[in-house]
N, C-alpha and C. Protein backbone atom coordinates (compact mmCIF):
# COMPACT_ATOMS: atom_id res chain seq x y z
N MET A 1 29.53 -61.38 255.42
CA MET A 1 29.01 -62.21 254.32
C MET A 1 29.94 -62.14 253.12
N ASN A 2 30.15 -63.26 252.46
CA ASN A 2 31.02 -63.31 251.30
C ASN A 2 30.40 -62.51 250.16
N PRO A 3 31.07 -61.44 249.69
CA PRO A 3 30.46 -60.59 248.65
C PRO A 3 30.21 -61.31 247.35
N SER A 4 31.05 -62.29 247.00
CA SER A 4 30.85 -63.01 245.74
C SER A 4 29.57 -63.83 245.79
N ARG A 5 29.27 -64.40 246.95
CA ARG A 5 28.05 -65.20 247.08
C ARG A 5 26.82 -64.31 247.10
N THR A 6 26.94 -63.10 247.65
CA THR A 6 25.83 -62.17 247.64
C THR A 6 25.47 -61.77 246.22
N VAL A 7 26.49 -61.46 245.42
CA VAL A 7 26.25 -61.10 244.02
C VAL A 7 25.64 -62.26 243.26
N THR A 8 26.14 -63.48 243.50
CA THR A 8 25.61 -64.65 242.82
C THR A 8 24.14 -64.87 243.17
N ARG A 9 23.78 -64.72 244.44
CA ARG A 9 22.39 -64.91 244.85
C ARG A 9 21.48 -63.90 244.16
N ARG A 10 21.93 -62.65 244.07
CA ARG A 10 21.11 -61.63 243.42
C ARG A 10 20.89 -61.95 241.96
N ALA A 11 21.96 -62.35 241.27
CA ALA A 11 21.84 -62.69 239.86
C ALA A 11 20.95 -63.91 239.67
N MET A 12 21.08 -64.92 240.54
CA MET A 12 20.25 -66.11 240.44
C MET A 12 18.79 -65.78 240.71
N ASP A 13 18.50 -64.87 241.63
CA ASP A 13 17.12 -64.46 241.91
C ASP A 13 16.50 -63.83 240.66
N ARG A 14 17.28 -62.97 239.98
CA ARG A 14 16.77 -62.35 238.76
C ARG A 14 16.51 -63.39 237.69
N THR A 15 17.38 -64.38 237.61
CA THR A 15 17.23 -65.42 236.60
C THR A 15 16.00 -66.27 236.88
N ARG A 16 15.77 -66.62 238.14
CA ARG A 16 14.59 -67.42 238.49
C ARG A 16 13.30 -66.68 238.12
N ARG A 17 13.28 -65.38 238.36
CA ARG A 17 12.09 -64.60 238.04
C ARG A 17 11.87 -64.52 236.52
N ALA A 18 12.98 -64.51 235.78
CA ALA A 18 12.87 -64.33 234.33
C ALA A 18 12.76 -65.65 233.58
N LEU A 19 13.04 -66.78 234.24
CA LEU A 19 13.07 -68.07 233.55
C LEU A 19 11.69 -68.39 232.98
N ALA A 20 11.65 -68.51 231.68
CA ALA A 20 10.37 -68.74 231.01
C ALA A 20 10.65 -69.41 229.68
N ALA A 21 9.58 -69.70 228.95
CA ALA A 21 9.74 -70.27 227.62
C ALA A 21 10.64 -69.37 226.79
N GLY A 22 11.56 -70.00 226.06
CA GLY A 22 12.48 -69.22 225.23
C GLY A 22 13.84 -68.99 225.86
N THR A 23 14.01 -69.37 227.13
CA THR A 23 15.31 -69.25 227.77
C THR A 23 16.32 -70.11 227.02
N VAL A 24 17.48 -69.55 226.72
CA VAL A 24 18.50 -70.26 225.96
C VAL A 24 19.49 -70.92 226.93
N VAL A 25 19.58 -72.24 226.84
CA VAL A 25 20.37 -73.01 227.79
C VAL A 25 21.34 -73.92 227.04
N VAL A 26 22.62 -73.84 227.38
CA VAL A 26 23.63 -74.75 226.86
C VAL A 26 23.95 -75.77 227.95
N ILE A 27 23.99 -77.05 227.60
CA ILE A 27 24.25 -78.11 228.58
C ILE A 27 25.31 -79.04 228.03
N THR A 28 26.40 -79.23 228.78
CA THR A 28 27.39 -80.24 228.41
C THR A 28 27.06 -81.53 229.15
N GLY A 29 27.53 -82.64 228.63
CA GLY A 29 27.17 -83.93 229.23
C GLY A 29 25.69 -84.18 229.12
N ALA A 30 25.08 -83.71 228.03
CA ALA A 30 23.62 -83.69 227.92
C ALA A 30 23.00 -85.02 227.52
N SER A 31 23.82 -86.01 227.17
CA SER A 31 23.25 -87.26 226.68
C SER A 31 22.97 -88.28 227.77
N SER A 32 23.41 -88.02 229.00
CA SER A 32 23.19 -88.99 230.08
C SER A 32 23.24 -88.31 231.44
N GLY A 33 22.79 -89.04 232.46
CA GLY A 33 22.94 -88.59 233.84
C GLY A 33 22.30 -87.26 234.15
N ILE A 34 23.00 -86.46 234.94
CA ILE A 34 22.47 -85.17 235.38
C ILE A 34 22.22 -84.25 234.20
N GLY A 35 23.14 -84.24 233.24
CA GLY A 35 22.95 -83.38 232.07
C GLY A 35 21.69 -83.69 231.31
N ARG A 36 21.39 -84.96 231.16
CA ARG A 36 20.17 -85.37 230.46
C ARG A 36 18.93 -84.93 231.24
N ALA A 37 18.96 -85.10 232.57
CA ALA A 37 17.82 -84.71 233.41
C ALA A 37 17.62 -83.19 233.42
N VAL A 38 18.72 -82.45 233.45
CA VAL A 38 18.64 -80.99 233.42
C VAL A 38 17.99 -80.52 232.13
N GLY A 39 18.38 -81.14 231.02
CA GLY A 39 17.78 -80.78 229.75
C GLY A 39 16.28 -81.02 229.72
N LEU A 40 15.86 -82.13 230.31
CA LEU A 40 14.44 -82.43 230.37
C LEU A 40 13.69 -81.40 231.20
N ALA A 41 14.27 -81.03 232.33
CA ALA A 41 13.62 -80.04 233.21
C ALA A 41 13.46 -78.70 232.50
N PHE A 42 14.48 -78.26 231.80
CA PHE A 42 14.38 -76.99 231.06
C PHE A 42 13.41 -77.12 229.89
N ALA A 43 13.41 -78.25 229.22
CA ALA A 43 12.50 -78.44 228.09
C ALA A 43 11.05 -78.35 228.53
N HIS A 44 10.75 -78.86 229.71
CA HIS A 44 9.38 -78.79 230.23
C HIS A 44 8.93 -77.35 230.44
N ARG A 45 9.89 -76.42 230.49
CA ARG A 45 9.54 -75.00 230.64
C ARG A 45 9.66 -74.26 229.32
N GLY A 46 9.81 -75.02 228.24
CA GLY A 46 9.85 -74.39 226.93
C GLY A 46 11.15 -73.73 226.57
N ALA A 47 12.26 -74.22 227.11
CA ALA A 47 13.56 -73.62 226.84
C ALA A 47 14.06 -73.97 225.45
N ARG A 48 15.02 -73.17 225.00
CA ARG A 48 15.74 -73.45 223.76
C ARG A 48 17.08 -74.03 224.16
N LEU A 49 17.30 -75.29 223.82
CA LEU A 49 18.45 -76.02 224.33
C LEU A 49 19.53 -76.22 223.27
N VAL A 50 20.77 -76.04 223.68
CA VAL A 50 21.92 -76.43 222.88
C VAL A 50 22.61 -77.54 223.67
N LEU A 51 22.54 -78.75 223.16
CA LEU A 51 22.99 -79.93 223.89
C LEU A 51 24.33 -80.41 223.37
N ALA A 52 25.29 -80.61 224.27
CA ALA A 52 26.63 -81.04 223.89
C ALA A 52 27.01 -82.32 224.61
N ALA A 53 27.62 -83.23 223.88
CA ALA A 53 28.16 -84.48 224.43
C ALA A 53 28.98 -85.12 223.31
N ARG A 54 29.70 -86.18 223.63
CA ARG A 54 30.56 -86.80 222.62
C ARG A 54 29.78 -87.65 221.62
N SER A 55 28.74 -88.35 222.07
CA SER A 55 28.01 -89.27 221.20
C SER A 55 26.96 -88.53 220.38
N ALA A 56 27.23 -88.40 219.08
CA ALA A 56 26.30 -87.68 218.21
C ALA A 56 24.95 -88.37 218.12
N GLU A 57 24.97 -89.69 218.01
CA GLU A 57 23.72 -90.44 217.87
C GLU A 57 22.85 -90.31 219.12
N ALA A 58 23.44 -90.51 220.29
CA ALA A 58 22.69 -90.39 221.54
C ALA A 58 22.18 -88.96 221.72
N LEU A 59 22.99 -88.01 221.33
CA LEU A 59 22.62 -86.60 221.50
C LEU A 59 21.43 -86.23 220.62
N ARG A 60 21.43 -86.73 219.39
CA ARG A 60 20.30 -86.44 218.50
C ARG A 60 19.01 -87.03 219.04
N GLN A 61 19.08 -88.21 219.63
CA GLN A 61 17.91 -88.83 220.22
C GLN A 61 17.38 -88.00 221.39
N VAL A 62 18.30 -87.54 222.24
CA VAL A 62 17.91 -86.70 223.37
C VAL A 62 17.26 -85.41 222.87
N ALA A 63 17.83 -84.82 221.84
CA ALA A 63 17.27 -83.58 221.30
C ALA A 63 15.85 -83.79 220.80
N ARG A 64 15.60 -84.90 220.11
CA ARG A 64 14.24 -85.18 219.64
C ARG A 64 13.27 -85.34 220.80
N GLU A 65 13.72 -86.02 221.85
CA GLU A 65 12.86 -86.21 223.02
C GLU A 65 12.53 -84.89 223.70
N ARG A 66 13.48 -84.00 223.76
CA ARG A 66 13.26 -82.73 224.46
C ARG A 66 12.26 -81.84 223.74
N THR A 67 12.29 -81.85 222.42
CA THR A 67 11.37 -81.00 221.68
C THR A 67 9.93 -81.50 221.76
N ALA A 68 9.74 -82.73 222.22
CA ALA A 68 8.40 -83.31 222.26
C ALA A 68 7.65 -83.00 223.56
N VAL A 69 8.34 -82.45 224.57
CA VAL A 69 7.70 -82.30 225.88
C VAL A 69 7.02 -80.95 226.08
N HIS A 70 7.26 -79.99 225.19
CA HIS A 70 6.65 -78.67 225.35
C HIS A 70 6.53 -78.04 223.96
N PRO A 71 5.41 -77.39 223.66
CA PRO A 71 5.23 -76.85 222.31
C PRO A 71 6.25 -75.79 221.93
N GLN A 72 6.87 -75.14 222.91
CA GLN A 72 7.85 -74.09 222.60
C GLN A 72 9.29 -74.56 222.79
N ALA A 73 9.47 -75.79 223.24
CA ALA A 73 10.82 -76.29 223.46
C ALA A 73 11.53 -76.52 222.14
N GLU A 74 12.81 -76.16 222.10
CA GLU A 74 13.66 -76.42 220.95
C GLU A 74 14.95 -77.06 221.45
N ALA A 75 15.58 -77.85 220.60
CA ALA A 75 16.84 -78.49 221.00
C ALA A 75 17.68 -78.75 219.76
N VAL A 76 18.96 -78.41 219.86
CA VAL A 76 19.90 -78.68 218.79
C VAL A 76 21.08 -79.44 219.38
N ALA A 77 21.52 -80.47 218.70
CA ALA A 77 22.63 -81.30 219.16
C ALA A 77 23.94 -80.80 218.56
N VAL A 78 24.94 -80.62 219.43
CA VAL A 78 26.26 -80.19 219.00
C VAL A 78 27.29 -81.16 219.57
N PRO A 79 27.66 -82.20 218.84
CA PRO A 79 28.65 -83.15 219.36
C PRO A 79 29.96 -82.44 219.67
N ALA A 80 30.48 -82.66 220.88
CA ALA A 80 31.71 -81.99 221.30
C ALA A 80 32.29 -82.72 222.50
N ASP A 81 33.61 -82.78 222.54
CA ASP A 81 34.34 -83.37 223.66
C ASP A 81 34.80 -82.24 224.56
N VAL A 82 34.36 -82.22 225.82
CA VAL A 82 34.69 -81.11 226.71
C VAL A 82 36.17 -81.00 226.99
N THR A 83 36.92 -82.07 226.78
CA THR A 83 38.37 -82.00 227.03
C THR A 83 39.11 -81.28 225.91
N ASP A 84 38.41 -80.97 224.83
CA ASP A 84 38.98 -80.23 223.71
C ASP A 84 38.54 -78.78 223.82
N ALA A 85 39.44 -77.89 224.20
CA ALA A 85 39.08 -76.49 224.42
C ALA A 85 38.49 -75.86 223.17
N ASP A 86 39.06 -76.15 222.01
CA ASP A 86 38.55 -75.56 220.77
C ASP A 86 37.15 -76.04 220.46
N ALA A 87 36.86 -77.31 220.76
CA ALA A 87 35.54 -77.87 220.47
C ALA A 87 34.45 -77.19 221.28
N MET A 88 34.79 -76.65 222.44
CA MET A 88 33.78 -76.06 223.30
C MET A 88 33.30 -74.69 222.81
N THR A 89 33.95 -74.15 221.79
CA THR A 89 33.41 -72.94 221.19
C THR A 89 32.19 -73.27 220.33
N GLY A 90 32.06 -74.55 219.93
CA GLY A 90 30.94 -74.96 219.09
C GLY A 90 29.58 -74.71 219.70
N PRO A 91 29.32 -75.21 220.93
CA PRO A 91 28.01 -74.94 221.54
C PRO A 91 27.73 -73.45 221.72
N ALA A 92 28.75 -72.69 222.11
CA ALA A 92 28.56 -71.25 222.30
C ALA A 92 28.23 -70.57 220.97
N ASP A 93 28.99 -70.89 219.93
CA ASP A 93 28.75 -70.28 218.63
C ASP A 93 27.39 -70.67 218.07
N THR A 94 26.99 -71.92 218.31
CA THR A 94 25.68 -72.37 217.84
C THR A 94 24.56 -71.61 218.52
N ALA A 95 24.68 -71.44 219.83
CA ALA A 95 23.65 -70.69 220.57
C ALA A 95 23.55 -69.25 220.07
N LEU A 96 24.69 -68.62 219.83
CA LEU A 96 24.68 -67.24 219.35
C LEU A 96 24.11 -67.15 217.94
N ALA A 97 24.48 -68.09 217.09
CA ALA A 97 24.00 -68.05 215.70
C ALA A 97 22.49 -68.27 215.61
N ARG A 98 21.96 -69.18 216.44
CA ARG A 98 20.54 -69.52 216.36
C ARG A 98 19.66 -68.60 217.20
N TYR A 99 20.16 -68.21 218.37
CA TYR A 99 19.31 -67.51 219.33
C TYR A 99 19.84 -66.16 219.78
N GLY A 100 21.09 -65.86 219.46
CA GLY A 100 21.64 -64.54 219.76
C GLY A 100 22.14 -64.33 221.16
N ARG A 101 22.08 -65.37 222.00
CA ARG A 101 22.51 -65.19 223.39
C ARG A 101 22.63 -66.55 224.07
N VAL A 102 23.18 -66.53 225.28
CA VAL A 102 23.17 -67.69 226.18
C VAL A 102 22.70 -67.19 227.54
N ASP A 103 21.55 -67.66 227.99
CA ASP A 103 21.04 -67.25 229.29
C ASP A 103 21.63 -68.09 230.42
N VAL A 104 21.72 -69.39 230.19
CA VAL A 104 22.20 -70.33 231.21
C VAL A 104 23.14 -71.32 230.53
N TRP A 105 24.25 -71.61 231.20
CA TRP A 105 25.19 -72.64 230.71
C TRP A 105 25.41 -73.62 231.85
N VAL A 106 25.16 -74.90 231.61
CA VAL A 106 25.32 -75.93 232.63
C VAL A 106 26.45 -76.88 232.23
N ASN A 107 27.51 -76.90 233.01
CA ASN A 107 28.59 -77.86 232.81
C ASN A 107 28.28 -79.11 233.62
N ALA A 108 27.71 -80.11 232.94
CA ALA A 108 27.31 -81.34 233.64
C ALA A 108 28.11 -82.57 233.21
N ALA A 109 29.03 -82.39 232.26
CA ALA A 109 29.85 -83.53 231.84
C ALA A 109 30.75 -83.97 232.99
N GLY A 110 30.84 -85.26 233.22
CA GLY A 110 31.68 -85.74 234.31
C GLY A 110 31.99 -87.22 234.16
N VAL A 111 33.08 -87.62 234.77
CA VAL A 111 33.48 -89.03 234.77
C VAL A 111 33.84 -89.42 236.20
N GLY A 112 33.27 -90.53 236.67
CA GLY A 112 33.58 -91.01 238.01
C GLY A 112 34.59 -92.15 237.96
N VAL A 113 35.28 -92.34 239.05
CA VAL A 113 36.19 -93.48 239.18
C VAL A 113 36.12 -93.96 240.63
N LEU A 114 35.96 -95.27 240.79
CA LEU A 114 35.80 -95.87 242.11
C LEU A 114 36.97 -96.79 242.41
N GLY A 115 37.55 -96.64 243.58
CA GLY A 115 38.63 -97.55 243.96
C GLY A 115 39.54 -96.97 245.02
N ARG A 116 40.27 -97.83 245.70
CA ARG A 116 41.25 -97.39 246.69
C ARG A 116 42.31 -96.54 245.98
N LEU A 117 42.69 -95.45 246.59
CA LEU A 117 43.50 -94.46 245.90
C LEU A 117 44.79 -95.04 245.32
N ASP A 118 45.43 -95.96 246.03
CA ASP A 118 46.68 -96.51 245.53
C ASP A 118 46.48 -97.67 244.56
N ALA A 119 45.21 -98.00 244.26
CA ALA A 119 44.92 -99.10 243.34
C ALA A 119 44.24 -98.64 242.06
N VAL A 120 43.77 -97.40 242.04
CA VAL A 120 43.12 -96.88 240.84
C VAL A 120 44.14 -96.76 239.71
N PRO A 121 43.87 -97.34 238.55
CA PRO A 121 44.80 -97.20 237.42
C PRO A 121 45.04 -95.73 237.11
N PRO A 122 46.29 -95.32 236.94
CA PRO A 122 46.58 -93.91 236.65
C PRO A 122 45.80 -93.35 235.47
N ALA A 123 45.58 -94.16 234.44
CA ALA A 123 44.84 -93.68 233.28
C ALA A 123 43.40 -93.32 233.63
N ASP A 124 42.79 -94.09 234.54
CA ASP A 124 41.43 -93.81 234.96
C ASP A 124 41.36 -92.52 235.77
N ALA A 125 42.32 -92.35 236.68
CA ALA A 125 42.36 -91.14 237.49
C ALA A 125 42.58 -89.92 236.61
N LEU A 126 43.45 -90.04 235.63
CA LEU A 126 43.73 -88.93 234.73
C LEU A 126 42.51 -88.59 233.89
N ARG A 127 41.80 -89.61 233.39
CA ARG A 127 40.61 -89.35 232.59
C ARG A 127 39.54 -88.63 233.41
N SER A 128 39.37 -89.05 234.66
CA SER A 128 38.41 -88.38 235.53
C SER A 128 38.78 -86.92 235.71
N TRP A 129 40.06 -86.65 235.92
CA TRP A 129 40.51 -85.27 236.12
C TRP A 129 40.30 -84.44 234.84
N GLU A 130 40.64 -85.01 233.69
CA GLU A 130 40.56 -84.25 232.44
C GLU A 130 39.13 -83.84 232.11
N VAL A 131 38.18 -84.74 232.36
CA VAL A 131 36.79 -84.41 232.06
C VAL A 131 36.21 -83.47 233.11
N ASN A 132 36.46 -83.78 234.38
CA ASN A 132 35.82 -83.03 235.45
C ASN A 132 36.40 -81.63 235.67
N VAL A 133 37.69 -81.47 235.46
CA VAL A 133 38.30 -80.16 235.75
C VAL A 133 38.60 -79.37 234.46
N PRO A 134 39.59 -79.78 233.64
CA PRO A 134 39.77 -79.02 232.40
C PRO A 134 38.51 -78.98 231.54
N GLY A 135 37.73 -80.07 231.53
CA GLY A 135 36.50 -80.08 230.76
C GLY A 135 35.53 -79.00 231.21
N THR A 136 35.39 -78.85 232.52
CA THR A 136 34.53 -77.79 233.06
C THR A 136 35.12 -76.42 232.79
N LEU A 137 36.43 -76.31 232.93
CA LEU A 137 37.10 -75.03 232.67
C LEU A 137 36.90 -74.58 231.23
N HIS A 138 37.02 -75.51 230.28
CA HIS A 138 36.81 -75.14 228.88
C HIS A 138 35.39 -74.64 228.65
N GLY A 139 34.41 -75.32 229.27
CA GLY A 139 33.03 -74.88 229.13
C GLY A 139 32.81 -73.52 229.77
N ALA A 140 33.40 -73.31 230.93
CA ALA A 140 33.25 -72.04 231.64
C ALA A 140 33.85 -70.89 230.84
N ARG A 141 35.00 -71.12 230.25
CA ARG A 141 35.62 -70.07 229.45
C ARG A 141 34.74 -69.69 228.25
N ALA A 142 34.18 -70.70 227.59
CA ALA A 142 33.30 -70.43 226.46
C ALA A 142 32.05 -69.66 226.91
N ALA A 143 31.51 -70.06 228.06
CA ALA A 143 30.30 -69.40 228.58
C ALA A 143 30.59 -67.96 228.99
N LEU A 144 31.68 -67.75 229.70
CA LEU A 144 31.99 -66.40 230.19
C LEU A 144 32.30 -65.44 229.05
N ARG A 145 32.90 -65.96 227.99
CA ARG A 145 33.16 -65.10 226.82
C ARG A 145 31.85 -64.50 226.31
N VAL A 146 30.81 -65.32 226.25
CA VAL A 146 29.52 -64.84 225.78
C VAL A 146 28.84 -63.97 226.83
N MET A 147 28.83 -64.42 228.05
CA MET A 147 28.08 -63.71 229.10
C MET A 147 28.68 -62.36 229.46
N ARG A 148 29.99 -62.27 229.46
CA ARG A 148 30.61 -60.96 229.68
C ARG A 148 30.23 -60.01 228.55
N GLY A 149 30.20 -60.53 227.33
CA GLY A 149 29.87 -59.69 226.19
C GLY A 149 28.43 -59.19 226.21
N GLN A 150 27.52 -60.04 226.66
CA GLN A 150 26.10 -59.65 226.67
C GLN A 150 25.70 -59.01 227.99
N GLY A 151 26.59 -59.09 228.99
CA GLY A 151 26.36 -58.40 230.26
C GLY A 151 25.53 -59.15 231.27
N ARG A 152 25.23 -60.41 231.02
CA ARG A 152 24.43 -61.18 231.97
C ARG A 152 24.51 -62.66 231.64
N GLY A 153 24.02 -63.47 232.56
CA GLY A 153 23.98 -64.91 232.35
C GLY A 153 24.27 -65.66 233.63
N VAL A 154 23.97 -66.94 233.61
CA VAL A 154 24.22 -67.81 234.77
C VAL A 154 25.01 -69.02 234.32
N LEU A 155 26.14 -69.24 234.93
CA LEU A 155 26.97 -70.42 234.70
C LEU A 155 26.78 -71.37 235.87
N ILE A 156 26.42 -72.62 235.58
CA ILE A 156 26.20 -73.63 236.62
C ILE A 156 27.18 -74.77 236.41
N ASP A 157 28.00 -75.03 237.41
CA ASP A 157 28.95 -76.14 237.35
C ASP A 157 28.51 -77.23 238.32
N VAL A 158 28.47 -78.46 237.82
CA VAL A 158 28.05 -79.59 238.64
C VAL A 158 29.28 -80.19 239.30
N SER A 159 29.41 -79.98 240.59
CA SER A 159 30.47 -80.59 241.40
C SER A 159 29.88 -81.83 242.06
N SER A 160 30.07 -81.99 243.36
CA SER A 160 29.55 -83.15 244.09
C SER A 160 29.64 -82.87 245.57
N VAL A 161 28.82 -83.55 246.35
CA VAL A 161 28.96 -83.45 247.81
C VAL A 161 30.34 -83.93 248.24
N LEU A 162 30.95 -84.77 247.39
CA LEU A 162 32.30 -85.26 247.69
C LEU A 162 33.36 -84.20 247.42
N GLY A 163 32.94 -83.06 246.89
CA GLY A 163 33.87 -81.98 246.62
C GLY A 163 34.19 -81.13 247.84
N GLY A 164 33.90 -81.63 249.03
CA GLY A 164 34.24 -80.90 250.24
C GLY A 164 33.21 -80.98 251.34
N ALA A 165 31.95 -81.28 250.96
CA ALA A 165 30.89 -81.34 251.97
C ALA A 165 31.00 -82.61 252.81
N VAL A 166 31.32 -83.72 252.17
CA VAL A 166 31.49 -84.99 252.87
C VAL A 166 32.70 -85.71 252.27
N THR A 167 33.19 -86.71 252.96
CA THR A 167 34.26 -87.55 252.43
C THR A 167 33.81 -89.01 252.44
N ALA A 168 34.38 -89.79 251.55
CA ALA A 168 34.01 -91.20 251.46
C ALA A 168 35.21 -91.99 250.95
N PRO A 169 35.41 -93.20 251.47
CA PRO A 169 36.51 -94.03 250.97
C PRO A 169 36.26 -94.47 249.54
N TYR A 170 37.33 -94.77 248.83
CA TYR A 170 37.31 -95.28 247.47
C TYR A 170 36.84 -94.25 246.44
N MET A 171 36.76 -93.00 246.83
CA MET A 171 36.34 -91.94 245.90
C MET A 171 37.36 -90.82 245.82
N GLY A 172 38.59 -91.09 246.24
CA GLY A 172 39.59 -90.04 246.36
C GLY A 172 39.89 -89.31 245.07
N ALA A 173 40.12 -90.04 243.98
CA ALA A 173 40.46 -89.40 242.71
C ALA A 173 39.31 -88.53 242.20
N TYR A 174 38.11 -89.05 242.32
CA TYR A 174 36.92 -88.31 241.88
C TYR A 174 36.69 -87.09 242.78
N ALA A 175 36.82 -87.28 244.09
CA ALA A 175 36.57 -86.20 245.03
C ALA A 175 37.56 -85.06 244.83
N ALA A 176 38.81 -85.39 244.54
CA ALA A 176 39.81 -84.36 244.32
C ALA A 176 39.44 -83.48 243.13
N ALA A 177 38.94 -84.10 242.08
CA ALA A 177 38.53 -83.34 240.90
C ALA A 177 37.33 -82.45 241.21
N LYS A 178 36.35 -82.98 241.92
CA LYS A 178 35.16 -82.20 242.23
C LYS A 178 35.45 -81.08 243.23
N ALA A 179 36.40 -81.31 244.14
CA ALA A 179 36.80 -80.24 245.06
C ALA A 179 37.46 -79.10 244.30
N ALA A 180 38.20 -79.43 243.26
CA ALA A 180 38.83 -78.40 242.45
C ALA A 180 37.79 -77.47 241.83
N LEU A 181 36.63 -78.01 241.47
CA LEU A 181 35.58 -77.17 240.88
C LEU A 181 35.03 -76.16 241.86
N VAL A 182 34.95 -76.54 243.12
CA VAL A 182 34.45 -75.61 244.15
C VAL A 182 35.36 -74.39 244.23
N VAL A 183 36.66 -74.63 244.24
CA VAL A 183 37.63 -73.53 244.30
C VAL A 183 37.62 -72.73 243.01
N LEU A 184 37.58 -73.44 241.88
CA LEU A 184 37.54 -72.76 240.58
C LEU A 184 36.38 -71.79 240.49
N ASP A 185 35.21 -72.22 240.91
CA ASP A 185 34.03 -71.36 240.82
C ASP A 185 34.12 -70.16 241.75
N GLU A 186 34.69 -70.35 242.93
CA GLU A 186 34.83 -69.22 243.85
C GLU A 186 35.77 -68.17 243.27
N VAL A 187 36.82 -68.63 242.62
CA VAL A 187 37.75 -67.69 241.97
C VAL A 187 37.03 -66.94 240.85
N MET A 188 36.23 -67.64 240.05
CA MET A 188 35.49 -66.97 238.99
C MET A 188 34.55 -65.91 239.55
N ARG A 189 33.91 -66.21 240.66
CA ARG A 189 33.01 -65.21 241.27
C ARG A 189 33.77 -63.96 241.67
N GLN A 190 34.93 -64.16 242.27
CA GLN A 190 35.74 -63.01 242.68
C GLN A 190 36.18 -62.19 241.48
N GLU A 191 36.57 -62.87 240.41
CA GLU A 191 37.02 -62.16 239.22
C GLU A 191 35.88 -61.39 238.56
N LEU A 192 34.67 -61.93 238.60
CA LEU A 192 33.52 -61.23 238.03
C LEU A 192 33.19 -59.97 238.83
N ILE A 193 33.38 -60.03 240.14
CA ILE A 193 33.18 -58.84 240.96
C ILE A 193 34.21 -57.78 240.61
N ILE A 194 35.46 -58.20 240.50
CA ILE A 194 36.54 -57.26 240.20
C ILE A 194 36.33 -56.59 238.84
N SER A 195 35.86 -57.37 237.87
CA SER A 195 35.66 -56.82 236.52
C SER A 195 34.36 -56.05 236.38
N GLY A 196 33.52 -56.07 237.42
CA GLY A 196 32.26 -55.34 237.38
C GLY A 196 31.14 -56.05 236.67
N ASP A 197 31.31 -57.36 236.40
CA ASP A 197 30.26 -58.12 235.72
C ASP A 197 29.29 -58.70 236.75
N HIS A 198 28.54 -57.81 237.39
CA HIS A 198 27.70 -58.22 238.51
C HIS A 198 26.45 -58.97 238.11
N ASP A 199 26.11 -58.96 236.83
CA ASP A 199 24.93 -59.69 236.38
C ASP A 199 25.28 -61.03 235.75
N VAL A 200 26.52 -61.46 235.92
CA VAL A 200 26.94 -62.80 235.53
C VAL A 200 27.15 -63.61 236.81
N ALA A 201 26.40 -64.67 236.97
CA ALA A 201 26.45 -65.47 238.19
C ALA A 201 27.12 -66.81 237.93
N VAL A 202 27.82 -67.29 238.94
CA VAL A 202 28.41 -68.63 238.89
C VAL A 202 27.83 -69.44 240.04
N CYS A 203 27.21 -70.54 239.72
CA CYS A 203 26.55 -71.39 240.72
C CYS A 203 27.21 -72.76 240.73
N THR A 204 27.58 -73.23 241.91
CA THR A 204 28.18 -74.55 242.06
C THR A 204 27.16 -75.49 242.70
N VAL A 205 26.83 -76.57 242.01
CA VAL A 205 25.86 -77.53 242.51
C VAL A 205 26.61 -78.74 243.04
N LEU A 206 26.24 -79.18 244.25
CA LEU A 206 26.89 -80.32 244.88
C LEU A 206 25.87 -81.45 245.09
N PRO A 207 25.54 -82.20 244.05
CA PRO A 207 24.56 -83.28 244.20
C PRO A 207 25.16 -84.50 244.90
N ALA A 208 24.28 -85.30 245.44
CA ALA A 208 24.69 -86.59 245.99
C ALA A 208 24.73 -87.60 244.85
N GLY A 209 24.83 -88.88 245.16
CA GLY A 209 24.91 -89.89 244.12
C GLY A 209 23.65 -89.97 243.29
N VAL A 210 23.82 -90.24 242.00
CA VAL A 210 22.69 -90.42 241.10
C VAL A 210 22.88 -91.73 240.36
N ARG A 211 21.77 -92.31 239.91
CA ARG A 211 21.84 -93.56 239.17
C ARG A 211 22.06 -93.25 237.70
N MET A 212 23.11 -93.79 237.14
CA MET A 212 23.41 -93.59 235.74
C MET A 212 24.36 -94.68 235.29
N ARG A 213 24.58 -94.76 233.98
CA ARG A 213 25.46 -95.80 233.49
C ARG A 213 26.88 -95.53 233.96
N PRO A 214 27.63 -96.57 234.35
CA PRO A 214 28.98 -96.35 234.85
C PRO A 214 29.90 -95.81 233.78
N HIS A 215 30.84 -94.95 234.20
CA HIS A 215 31.78 -94.37 233.25
C HIS A 215 33.03 -95.23 233.11
N ILE A 216 33.39 -95.94 234.18
CA ILE A 216 34.56 -96.80 234.15
C ILE A 216 34.08 -98.23 234.04
N PRO A 217 34.56 -99.02 233.06
CA PRO A 217 34.08 -100.39 232.87
C PRO A 217 34.17 -101.22 234.13
N ALA A 218 33.22 -102.18 234.28
CA ALA A 218 33.17 -102.99 235.49
C ALA A 218 34.47 -103.76 235.72
N ARG A 219 35.11 -104.22 234.64
CA ARG A 219 36.35 -104.96 234.81
C ARG A 219 37.41 -104.09 235.47
N ARG A 220 37.35 -102.79 235.21
CA ARG A 220 38.30 -101.89 235.84
C ARG A 220 37.91 -101.59 237.27
N LEU A 221 36.61 -101.48 237.51
CA LEU A 221 36.16 -101.24 238.87
C LEU A 221 36.60 -102.36 239.78
N SER A 222 36.51 -103.59 239.30
CA SER A 222 36.88 -104.71 240.13
C SER A 222 38.36 -104.68 240.48
N ARG A 223 39.18 -104.16 239.59
CA ARG A 223 40.61 -104.05 239.88
C ARG A 223 40.89 -102.97 240.91
N CYS A 224 40.01 -101.96 240.96
CA CYS A 224 40.28 -100.82 241.83
C CYS A 224 39.88 -101.05 243.27
N ARG A 225 39.04 -102.00 243.53
CA ARG A 225 38.51 -102.16 244.88
C ARG A 225 39.57 -102.67 245.83
């Protein structure tokens, strides 16, 4: 059995048992898609949310909605671009200043690109890579800095079934980025074992397709097909 996965399962089991009102959760990509849904699910359990995304206006609206679903739910909006490593210290610092810890960090920011691999505009492929890979890495570094210091926590990275579980045509650029996250997370697990941080877990989620607003404009999608 893979020792890194055994340690992760144990830490996740402890977190599931402890998950209750007041859990401090940081979510990137919180204004739409999976990130928005994750925030709602945690809010229904009375979590304290630190929500990060680029759109300040959309983020503030989401924060207001989250605080309305449970009497103990709290939410603070921290506008930040995940591709900016320095900006990702903002959500972590906000969580520490307001709540003193980070229990769960969810990297849900992502950008998709659809098209035949040799027809996808290079700028679109690069944008997908920058958000999905360096963007997740910046969030993970910010999360691990806090979790190593406090001795516990759960980092959740949203990859995709296209990250290695299945393959599909016209998704090559996106799949390559999501596959990178699978490897990145496995390396982080190994490093946490080596450093003795056994109560810090890294979880990789591989969802299937979800309905959300497109990230690449339709005029560009038509060029990529």
